[in-house]
Amino acid sequence: MAFLISSQTMARTTEYSPEEYLKNYALSTCIAQGYQSKEVKNDAAAAASGYLEFGDYSIEAHTAVVELGKTFLDKKYGSQSGEPMTLAKCIDFVHSDELATLIRRYKGQPDN
């Protein structure tokens, strides 16, 4: 039990800005939506829940992030191996101008 408590405490020692929490949420939700593996989906969804809890952005902003992430997952990436390049899509999403614009638009806006 002590290990569980200390590991949870350690997980919270990294502090992020509100914008970074939202970007981490974006990556986590993209991965959760993009993969079929139950283990990956569950882990990514759990991470997303934590970033939602600790972040300062509105539920509306988080919903907009999920919807924008879907557009990146729908993109067709070519690969020599024939793999769908899901992780590359999610990384590109996190570094995209579209996500940066969304983050700026919702900054400081409370939930309605």
N, C-alpha and C. Protein backbone atom coordinates (compact mmCIF):
# COMPACT_ATOMS: atom_id res chain seq x y z
N MET A 1 0.82 -1.19 0.00
CA MET A 1 0.00 0.00 0.00
C MET A 1 0.87 1.26 0.00
N ALA A 2 1.94 1.25 0.76
CA ALA A 2 2.83 2.42 0.80
C ALA A 2 3.43 2.69 -0.57
N PHE A 3 3.76 1.63 -1.30
CA PHE A 3 4.31 1.81 -2.63
C PHE A 3 3.30 2.47 -3.55
N LEU A 4 2.06 2.05 -3.46
CA LEU A 4 1.00 2.62 -4.29
C LEU A 4 0.85 4.11 -4.01
N ILE A 5 0.83 4.48 -2.76
CA ILE A 5 0.68 5.89 -2.39
C ILE A 5 1.88 6.69 -2.87
N SER A 6 3.09 6.18 -2.64
CA SER A 6 4.27 6.93 -3.04
C SER A 6 4.38 7.02 -4.56
N SER A 7 3.99 5.98 -5.28
CA SER A 7 4.06 6.06 -6.73
C SER A 7 3.04 7.05 -7.28
N GLN A 8 1.88 7.16 -6.64
CA GLN A 8 0.90 8.15 -7.08
C GLN A 8 1.41 9.56 -6.79
N THR A 9 2.04 9.73 -5.65
CA THR A 9 2.60 11.04 -5.31
C THR A 9 3.68 11.42 -6.31
N MET A 10 4.52 10.47 -6.65
CA MET A 10 5.59 10.74 -7.61
C MET A 10 5.02 11.12 -8.96
N ALA A 11 3.93 10.53 -9.35
CA ALA A 11 3.34 10.82 -10.65
C ALA A 11 2.88 12.27 -10.74
N ARG A 12 2.60 12.88 -9.61
CA ARG A 12 2.11 14.25 -9.60
C ARG A 12 3.20 15.28 -9.35
N THR A 13 4.46 14.86 -9.27
CA THR A 13 5.52 15.81 -8.99
C THR A 13 5.85 16.67 -10.20
N THR A 14 5.50 16.25 -11.38
CA THR A 14 5.74 17.05 -12.58
C THR A 14 4.61 18.05 -12.74
N GLU A 15 4.97 19.30 -12.73
CA GLU A 15 3.98 20.36 -12.91
C GLU A 15 4.05 20.87 -14.34
N TYR A 16 2.91 21.05 -14.94
CA TYR A 16 2.82 21.58 -16.29
C TYR A 16 2.02 22.87 -16.27
N SER A 17 2.21 23.67 -17.28
CA SER A 17 1.37 24.85 -17.46
C SER A 17 -0.01 24.38 -17.92
N PRO A 18 -1.03 25.22 -17.82
CA PRO A 18 -2.35 24.83 -18.33
C PRO A 18 -2.31 24.42 -19.80
N GLU A 19 -1.50 25.12 -20.58
CA GLU A 19 -1.39 24.79 -22.01
C GLU A 19 -0.75 23.41 -22.21
N GLU A 20 0.26 23.11 -21.39
CA GLU A 20 0.91 21.80 -21.50
C GLU A 20 -0.02 20.68 -21.07
N TYR A 21 -0.82 20.92 -20.03
CA TYR A 21 -1.80 19.91 -19.63
C TYR A 21 -2.76 19.62 -20.79
N LEU A 22 -3.19 20.67 -21.49
CA LEU A 22 -4.12 20.46 -22.59
C LEU A 22 -3.44 19.74 -23.76
N LYS A 23 -2.17 20.06 -24.02
CA LYS A 23 -1.44 19.35 -25.07
C LYS A 23 -1.24 17.88 -24.70
N ASN A 24 -0.96 17.61 -23.43
CA ASN A 24 -0.81 16.23 -22.98
C ASN A 24 -2.14 15.49 -23.10
N TYR A 25 -3.22 16.19 -22.80
CA TYR A 25 -4.57 15.62 -22.97
C TYR A 25 -4.80 15.30 -24.45
N ALA A 26 -4.39 16.21 -25.32
CA ALA A 26 -4.55 16.00 -26.76
C ALA A 26 -3.82 14.74 -27.21
N LEU A 27 -2.59 14.57 -26.78
CA LEU A 27 -1.82 13.39 -27.17
C LEU A 27 -2.47 12.12 -26.61
N SER A 28 -2.87 12.16 -25.36
CA SER A 28 -3.46 10.98 -24.72
C SER A 28 -4.77 10.57 -25.39
N THR A 29 -5.63 11.53 -25.68
CA THR A 29 -6.91 11.19 -26.30
C THR A 29 -6.72 10.72 -27.73
N CYS A 30 -5.76 11.29 -28.42
CA CYS A 30 -5.47 10.85 -29.79
C CYS A 30 -5.02 9.39 -29.78
N ILE A 31 -4.14 9.05 -28.88
CA ILE A 31 -3.66 7.67 -28.78
C ILE A 31 -4.81 6.74 -28.39
N ALA A 32 -5.63 7.16 -27.44
CA ALA A 32 -6.76 6.33 -27.01
C ALA A 32 -7.73 6.07 -28.15
N GLN A 33 -7.93 7.06 -29.00
CA GLN A 33 -8.85 6.90 -30.14
C GLN A 33 -8.21 6.16 -31.30
N GLY A 34 -6.90 6.26 -31.42
CA GLY A 34 -6.23 5.74 -32.60
C GLY A 34 -5.84 4.28 -32.58
N TYR A 35 -5.79 3.71 -31.40
CA TYR A 35 -5.34 2.32 -31.28
C TYR A 35 -6.47 1.39 -30.88
N GLN A 36 -6.35 0.14 -31.27
CA GLN A 36 -7.35 -0.88 -30.95
C GLN A 36 -7.02 -1.66 -29.69
N SER A 37 -5.75 -1.73 -29.33
CA SER A 37 -5.32 -2.50 -28.17
C SER A 37 -5.98 -1.97 -26.90
N LYS A 38 -6.65 -2.85 -26.18
CA LYS A 38 -7.35 -2.45 -24.96
C LYS A 38 -6.38 -1.86 -23.95
N GLU A 39 -5.20 -2.45 -23.82
CA GLU A 39 -4.21 -1.96 -22.86
C GLU A 39 -3.79 -0.53 -23.20
N VAL A 40 -3.51 -0.27 -24.46
CA VAL A 40 -3.10 1.06 -24.89
C VAL A 40 -4.25 2.05 -24.71
N LYS A 41 -5.45 1.68 -25.15
CA LYS A 41 -6.61 2.56 -25.02
C LYS A 41 -6.88 2.92 -23.56
N ASN A 42 -6.85 1.92 -22.68
CA ASN A 42 -7.14 2.16 -21.27
C ASN A 42 -6.08 3.04 -20.62
N ASP A 43 -4.82 2.78 -20.93
CA ASP A 43 -3.74 3.56 -20.35
C ASP A 43 -3.80 5.01 -20.83
N ALA A 44 -4.01 5.20 -22.12
CA ALA A 44 -4.09 6.55 -22.68
C ALA A 44 -5.31 7.29 -22.13
N ALA A 45 -6.43 6.60 -21.99
CA ALA A 45 -7.64 7.22 -21.44
C ALA A 45 -7.43 7.61 -19.98
N ALA A 46 -6.73 6.78 -19.22
CA ALA A 46 -6.44 7.11 -17.82
C ALA A 46 -5.55 8.34 -17.74
N ALA A 47 -4.55 8.41 -18.60
CA ALA A 47 -3.68 9.59 -18.63
C ALA A 47 -4.49 10.84 -18.99
N ALA A 48 -5.35 10.72 -19.99
CA ALA A 48 -6.18 11.85 -20.40
C ALA A 48 -7.05 12.34 -19.25
N SER A 49 -7.61 11.42 -18.48
CA SER A 49 -8.44 11.81 -17.33
C SER A 49 -7.64 12.61 -16.32
N GLY A 50 -6.41 12.20 -16.08
CA GLY A 50 -5.56 12.94 -15.16
C GLY A 50 -5.24 14.33 -15.66
N TYR A 51 -4.92 14.44 -16.94
CA TYR A 51 -4.62 15.76 -17.50
C TYR A 51 -5.85 16.66 -17.49
N LEU A 52 -7.01 16.10 -17.69
CA LEU A 52 -8.26 16.85 -17.59
C LEU A 52 -8.46 17.36 -16.17
N GLU A 53 -8.22 16.48 -15.20
CA GLU A 53 -8.42 16.84 -13.80
C GLU A 53 -7.49 17.96 -13.34
N PHE A 54 -6.23 17.89 -13.75
CA PHE A 54 -5.25 18.87 -13.27
C PHE A 54 -5.20 20.14 -14.10
N GLY A 55 -5.76 20.12 -15.29
CA GLY A 55 -5.70 21.28 -16.16
C GLY A 55 -6.73 22.35 -15.81
N ASP A 56 -6.55 23.51 -16.41
CA ASP A 56 -7.43 24.65 -16.14
C ASP A 56 -8.36 25.00 -17.29
N TYR A 57 -8.28 24.29 -18.39
CA TYR A 57 -9.12 24.61 -19.54
C TYR A 57 -10.52 24.04 -19.37
N SER A 58 -11.47 24.65 -20.05
CA SER A 58 -12.88 24.27 -19.93
C SER A 58 -13.15 22.91 -20.57
N ILE A 59 -14.29 22.35 -20.19
CA ILE A 59 -14.75 21.10 -20.81
C ILE A 59 -14.95 21.33 -22.31
N GLU A 60 -15.44 22.49 -22.66
CA GLU A 60 -15.64 22.83 -24.08
C GLU A 60 -14.31 22.77 -24.84
N ALA A 61 -13.25 23.27 -24.23
CA ALA A 61 -11.93 23.22 -24.86
C ALA A 61 -11.47 21.78 -25.03
N HIS A 62 -11.67 20.97 -24.00
CA HIS A 62 -11.27 19.57 -24.08
C HIS A 62 -12.06 18.82 -25.16
N THR A 63 -13.33 19.13 -25.27
CA THR A 63 -14.16 18.51 -26.31
C THR A 63 -13.66 18.92 -27.70
N ALA A 64 -13.31 20.18 -27.85
CA ALA A 64 -12.80 20.66 -29.14
C ALA A 64 -11.47 19.97 -29.48
N VAL A 65 -10.65 19.72 -28.47
CA VAL A 65 -9.39 19.01 -28.69
C VAL A 65 -9.64 17.60 -29.22
N VAL A 66 -10.58 16.90 -28.61
CA VAL A 66 -10.90 15.53 -29.04
C VAL A 66 -11.37 15.54 -30.50
N GLU A 67 -12.24 16.48 -30.84
CA GLU A 67 -12.75 16.55 -32.21
C GLU A 67 -11.64 16.87 -33.20
N LEU A 68 -10.76 17.79 -32.84
CA LEU A 68 -9.64 18.12 -33.72
C LEU A 68 -8.72 16.92 -33.88
N GLY A 69 -8.49 16.20 -32.81
CA GLY A 69 -7.66 15.00 -32.89
C GLY A 69 -8.19 13.98 -33.88
N LYS A 70 -9.50 13.85 -33.94
CA LYS A 70 -10.12 12.92 -34.89
C LYS A 70 -9.77 13.29 -36.32
N THR A 71 -9.68 14.57 -36.61
CA THR A 71 -9.35 14.99 -37.98
C THR A 71 -7.92 14.58 -38.34
N PHE A 72 -7.03 14.60 -37.36
CA PHE A 72 -5.66 14.16 -37.63
C PHE A 72 -5.61 12.65 -37.82
N LEU A 73 -6.36 11.92 -37.03
CA LEU A 73 -6.39 10.46 -37.17
C LEU A 73 -6.99 10.04 -38.51
N ASP A 74 -7.86 10.86 -39.08
CA ASP A 74 -8.48 10.55 -40.36
C ASP A 74 -7.56 10.79 -41.55
N LYS A 75 -6.45 11.50 -41.33
CA LYS A 75 -5.52 11.78 -42.42
C LYS A 75 -4.86 10.50 -42.91
N LYS A 76 -4.57 10.48 -44.19
CA LYS A 76 -3.90 9.33 -44.79
C LYS A 76 -2.40 9.62 -44.84
N TYR A 77 -1.63 8.81 -44.15
CA TYR A 77 -0.18 8.91 -44.17
C TYR A 77 0.36 7.73 -44.96
N GLY A 78 1.27 8.00 -45.85
CA GLY A 78 1.90 6.91 -46.58
C GLY A 78 3.06 6.35 -45.77
N SER A 79 3.22 5.05 -45.83
CA SER A 79 4.38 4.43 -45.18
C SER A 79 4.81 3.24 -46.00
N GLN A 80 6.10 3.03 -46.07
CA GLN A 80 6.62 1.90 -46.84
C GLN A 80 6.17 0.58 -46.25
N SER A 81 5.97 0.56 -44.94
CA SER A 81 5.57 -0.69 -44.28
C SER A 81 4.08 -0.97 -44.39
N GLY A 82 3.31 0.05 -44.78
CA GLY A 82 1.86 -0.11 -44.87
C GLY A 82 1.14 0.12 -43.55
N GLU A 83 1.89 0.47 -42.51
CA GLU A 83 1.28 0.75 -41.20
C GLU A 83 0.51 2.07 -41.27
N PRO A 84 -0.51 2.25 -40.43
CA PRO A 84 -1.33 3.46 -40.49
C PRO A 84 -0.65 4.71 -39.93
N MET A 85 0.48 4.57 -39.26
CA MET A 85 1.23 5.72 -38.73
C MET A 85 0.43 6.51 -37.69
N THR A 86 -0.31 5.80 -36.87
CA THR A 86 -1.17 6.44 -35.87
C THR A 86 -0.38 7.31 -34.92
N LEU A 87 0.73 6.82 -34.41
CA LEU A 87 1.51 7.61 -33.46
C LEU A 87 2.06 8.87 -34.12
N ALA A 88 2.51 8.76 -35.35
CA ALA A 88 2.99 9.94 -36.08
C ALA A 88 1.88 10.98 -36.23
N LYS A 89 0.68 10.52 -36.51
CA LYS A 89 -0.46 11.44 -36.62
C LYS A 89 -0.70 12.16 -35.30
N CYS A 90 -0.62 11.43 -34.20
CA CYS A 90 -0.87 12.03 -32.88
C CYS A 90 0.24 13.02 -32.51
N ILE A 91 1.48 12.67 -32.83
CA ILE A 91 2.59 13.59 -32.57
C ILE A 91 2.43 14.85 -33.42
N ASP A 92 2.11 14.68 -34.69
CA ASP A 92 1.88 15.83 -35.56
C ASP A 92 0.74 16.70 -35.03
N PHE A 93 -0.29 16.08 -34.52
CA PHE A 93 -1.43 16.79 -33.94
C PHE A 93 -0.97 17.68 -32.78
N VAL A 94 -0.18 17.13 -31.88
CA VAL A 94 0.26 17.88 -30.70
C VAL A 94 1.11 19.09 -31.10
N HIS A 95 1.84 18.97 -32.19
CA HIS A 95 2.72 20.06 -32.64
C HIS A 95 2.08 20.93 -33.72
N SER A 96 0.81 20.74 -33.97
CA SER A 96 0.15 21.44 -35.08
C SER A 96 -0.23 22.88 -34.76
N ASP A 97 -0.28 23.67 -35.82
CA ASP A 97 -0.78 25.05 -35.70
C ASP A 97 -2.24 25.05 -35.30
N GLU A 98 -2.99 24.06 -35.77
CA GLU A 98 -4.42 23.99 -35.44
C GLU A 98 -4.64 23.83 -33.94
N LEU A 99 -3.85 22.97 -33.30
CA LEU A 99 -3.99 22.80 -31.85
C LEU A 99 -3.52 24.06 -31.12
N ALA A 100 -2.44 24.66 -31.57
CA ALA A 100 -1.95 25.90 -30.95
C ALA A 100 -3.02 27.00 -31.02
N THR A 101 -3.69 27.10 -32.15
CA THR A 101 -4.76 28.09 -32.31
C THR A 101 -5.92 27.79 -31.37
N LEU A 102 -6.28 26.53 -31.25
CA LEU A 102 -7.37 26.14 -30.35
C LEU A 102 -7.01 26.47 -28.90
N ILE A 103 -5.79 26.20 -28.51
CA ILE A 103 -5.34 26.49 -27.14
C ILE A 103 -5.42 27.99 -26.86
N ARG A 104 -4.97 28.80 -27.81
CA ARG A 104 -5.06 30.26 -27.62
C ARG A 104 -6.50 30.72 -27.54
N ARG A 105 -7.37 30.15 -28.37
CA ARG A 105 -8.77 30.56 -28.40
C ARG A 105 -9.47 30.31 -27.07
N TYR A 106 -9.17 29.20 -26.42
CA TYR A 106 -9.86 28.84 -25.18
C TYR A 106 -9.13 29.30 -23.91
N LYS A 107 -7.96 29.90 -24.05
CA LYS A 107 -7.20 30.31 -22.86
C LYS A 107 -8.00 31.31 -22.03
N GLY A 108 -8.13 31.01 -20.75
CA GLY A 108 -8.82 31.91 -19.83
C GLY A 108 -10.33 31.91 -19.93
N GLN A 109 -10.91 31.06 -20.78
CA GLN A 109 -12.37 31.01 -20.90
C GLN A 109 -12.93 29.97 -19.93
N PRO A 110 -13.82 30.39 -19.07
CA PRO A 110 -14.42 29.45 -18.11
C PRO A 110 -15.44 28.54 -18.79
N ASP A 111 -15.81 27.48 -18.07
CA ASP A 111 -16.89 26.62 -18.56
C ASP A 111 -18.18 27.41 -18.62
N ASN A 112 -18.99 27.11 -19.62
CA ASN A 112 -20.29 27.79 -19.74
C ASN A 112 -21.36 27.03 -19.01
